[in-house]
């Protein structure tokens, strides 16, 4: 990774506390490290739902996969917007996307209920407050990215 930039959204692997960790590039911080080292902000998970970020130089990252996102597919799911409410987080999705999203949320251990009659033509996902708001937003954005990359 010493001569090429790592794109935002790329999956990377790095060493942390004596083990390999996988994460995703959140931000290209530029050449702001000691001696002009190029730094990246990386998000990683340690344990279920425990998300962390760190800044690492390019030479400590191994790019393990980046599929360029399909812009059309990314725009296709931009209408899915999370809503923070008192009793449950919520979002609306068309049936075409709802099945894929439901499978993803289930795999992530997110508890939710579905109301298919809330708005005609869309399905309302009501996400249990057991999942913190910030974690829910990150998961939804991860799913949108996976969908746009064609890996969902």
Protein backbone atom coordinates (compact mmCIF):
# COMPACT_ATOMS: atom_id res chain seq x y z
CA UNK A 1 0.00 0.00 0.00
CA UNK A 2 3.04 2.28 -0.05
CA UNK A 3 2.56 3.77 -3.52
CA UNK A 4 -1.19 3.84 -4.09
CA UNK A 5 -3.97 5.60 -2.24
CA UNK A 6 -6.55 3.49 -0.46
CA UNK A 7 -10.08 4.51 -1.52
CA UNK A 8 -12.67 5.54 1.04
CA UNK A 9 -14.88 2.57 1.83
CA UNK A 10 -12.14 0.01 1.12
CA UNK A 11 -11.89 -2.95 3.46
CA UNK A 12 -8.46 -3.13 5.06
CA UNK A 13 -6.54 -5.34 7.45
CA UNK A 14 -4.05 -4.10 10.03
CA UNK A 15 -2.24 -5.35 13.13
CA UNK A 16 -3.51 -4.24 16.52
CA UNK A 17 -2.53 -5.65 19.92
CA UNK A 18 -0.80 -8.60 18.35
CA UNK A 19 -3.65 -9.69 16.09
CA UNK A 20 -5.05 -8.87 12.69
CA UNK A 21 -8.11 -6.64 12.60
CA UNK A 22 -10.35 -5.87 9.65
CA UNK A 23 -11.85 -2.45 9.16
CA UNK A 24 -13.11 0.01 6.59
CA UNK A 25 -11.56 3.31 5.47
CA UNK A 26 -13.76 6.20 6.63
CA UNK A 27 -11.58 9.14 5.68
CA UNK A 28 -8.36 9.98 3.85
CA UNK A 29 -6.61 12.32 6.30
CA UNK A 30 -3.76 13.16 3.92
CA UNK A 31 -0.04 13.59 4.62
CA UNK A 32 -0.44 14.85 8.19
CA UNK A 33 1.55 12.20 10.04
CA UNK A 34 5.11 12.46 11.34
CA UNK A 35 7.44 13.16 8.43
CA UNK A 36 4.50 13.64 6.06
CA UNK A 37 3.16 10.10 6.45
CA UNK A 38 -0.20 9.63 4.74
CA UNK A 39 -2.87 8.77 7.34
CA UNK A 40 -6.29 7.16 7.03
CA UNK A 41 -9.14 7.02 9.52
CA UNK A 42 -10.21 3.38 9.87
CA UNK A 43 -13.35 2.06 11.56
CA UNK A 44 -13.20 -1.43 13.03
CA UNK A 45 -15.29 -3.62 15.31
CA UNK A 46 -14.08 -5.44 18.41
CA UNK A 47 -16.89 -7.58 19.68
CA UNK A 48 -20.46 -7.38 18.44
CA UNK A 49 -21.49 -3.76 18.03
CA UNK A 50 -18.35 -2.24 19.57
CA UNK A 51 -17.22 0.15 16.84
CA UNK A 52 -13.97 2.09 17.12
CA UNK A 53 -11.93 4.36 14.90
CA UNK A 54 -8.21 4.92 14.65
CA UNK A 55 -5.79 6.70 12.36
CA UNK A 56 -3.16 4.58 10.65
CA UNK A 57 -0.45 5.29 8.08
CA UNK A 58 -0.86 3.81 4.61
CA UNK A 59 2.08 1.44 5.03
CA UNK A 60 0.36 -0.34 7.96
CA UNK A 61 -2.76 -1.14 5.93
CA UNK A 62 -3.41 -4.09 3.68
CA UNK A 63 -6.22 -3.47 1.20
CA UNK A 64 -8.31 -6.66 1.23
CA UNK A 65 -11.06 -5.61 -1.07
CA UNK A 66 -12.64 -2.65 -2.66
CA UNK A 67 -15.33 -2.89 -5.21
CA UNK A 68 -16.16 0.47 -6.68
CA UNK A 69 -19.69 1.41 -5.75
CA UNK A 70 -22.22 1.49 -8.57
CA UNK A 71 -23.44 5.08 -8.51
CA UNK A 72 -26.86 4.15 -9.87
CA UNK A 73 -27.36 1.51 -7.18
CA UNK A 74 -26.15 3.93 -4.50
CA UNK A 75 -28.71 6.55 -5.59
CA UNK A 76 -31.36 3.82 -5.74
CA UNK A 77 -31.21 3.36 -1.95
CA UNK A 78 -30.63 6.99 -0.96
CA UNK A 79 -34.36 7.30 -0.20
CA UNK A 80 -33.90 4.99 2.82
CA UNK A 81 -33.41 7.43 5.68
CA UNK A 82 -33.33 6.42 9.36
CA UNK A 83 -35.63 8.22 11.78
CA UNK A 84 -34.88 8.46 15.49
CA UNK A 85 -38.10 8.17 17.49
CA UNK A 86 -39.03 7.78 21.14
CA UNK A 87 -40.14 4.15 21.10
CA UNK A 88 -38.16 2.70 18.19
CA UNK A 89 -35.85 3.77 15.38
CA UNK A 90 -37.57 3.60 12.03
CA UNK A 91 -37.01 3.52 8.29
CA UNK A 92 -39.10 2.89 5.20
CA UNK A 93 -37.99 0.68 2.31
CA UNK A 94 -39.56 -0.53 -0.91
CA UNK A 95 -40.23 -4.29 -1.00
CA UNK A 96 -37.38 -4.72 -3.52
CA UNK A 97 -34.88 -3.52 -0.90
CA UNK A 98 -36.76 -4.57 2.24
CA UNK A 99 -35.97 -8.29 1.90
CA UNK A 100 -32.25 -7.65 1.44
CA UNK A 101 -32.17 -5.16 4.28
CA UNK A 102 -34.13 -7.47 6.59
CA UNK A 103 -31.68 -10.32 5.94
CA UNK A 104 -28.75 -8.01 6.68
CA UNK A 105 -30.27 -6.66 9.91
CA UNK A 106 -31.13 -10.17 11.06
CA UNK A 107 -27.57 -11.32 10.39
CA UNK A 108 -26.28 -8.37 12.47
CA UNK A 109 -28.49 -9.40 15.40
CA UNK A 110 -30.71 -6.31 15.17
CA UNK A 111 -34.18 -6.78 16.64
CA UNK A 112 -36.95 -5.19 14.60
CA UNK A 113 -40.58 -5.49 13.60
CA UNK A 114 -42.09 -4.84 10.20
CA UNK A 115 -45.26 -2.97 9.34
CA UNK A 116 -46.07 -3.51 5.67
CA UNK A 117 -49.18 -1.36 5.77
CA UNK A 118 -47.69 1.90 7.13
CA UNK A 119 -47.27 3.61 3.74
CA UNK A 120 -48.63 2.10 0.57
CA UNK A 121 -45.80 0.56 -1.42
CA UNK A 122 -43.21 0.76 1.36
CA UNK A 123 -42.39 -1.32 4.41
CA UNK A 124 -41.76 0.29 7.79
CA UNK A 125 -38.93 -1.23 9.82
CA UNK A 126 -39.21 -0.43 13.51
CA UNK A 127 -35.82 -1.05 15.09
CA UNK A 128 -35.78 -1.96 18.77
CA UNK A 129 -34.04 0.64 20.97
CA UNK A 130 -31.74 -2.18 22.11
CA UNK A 131 -29.66 -1.13 19.09
CA UNK A 132 -28.17 2.32 19.82
CA UNK A 133 -28.98 5.06 17.28
CA UNK A 134 -25.35 5.58 16.17
CA UNK A 135 -24.83 1.86 15.64
CA UNK A 136 -28.09 1.63 13.68
CA UNK A 137 -27.04 4.48 11.36
CA UNK A 138 -23.62 2.87 10.78
CA UNK A 139 -25.24 -0.49 9.99
CA UNK A 140 -27.67 1.11 7.54
CA UNK A 141 -24.83 2.95 5.80
CA UNK A 142 -22.80 -0.28 5.66
CA UNK A 143 -25.74 -2.04 4.02
CA UNK A 144 -26.16 0.78 1.49
CA UNK A 145 -22.46 0.54 0.63
CA UNK A 146 -22.63 -3.25 0.28
CA UNK A 147 -25.71 -2.91 -1.93
CA UNK A 148 -23.96 -0.36 -4.15
CA UNK A 149 -20.90 -2.62 -4.40
CA UNK A 150 -23.09 -5.55 -5.38
CA UNK A 151 -22.03 -7.64 -2.40
CA UNK A 152 -25.49 -7.89 -0.81
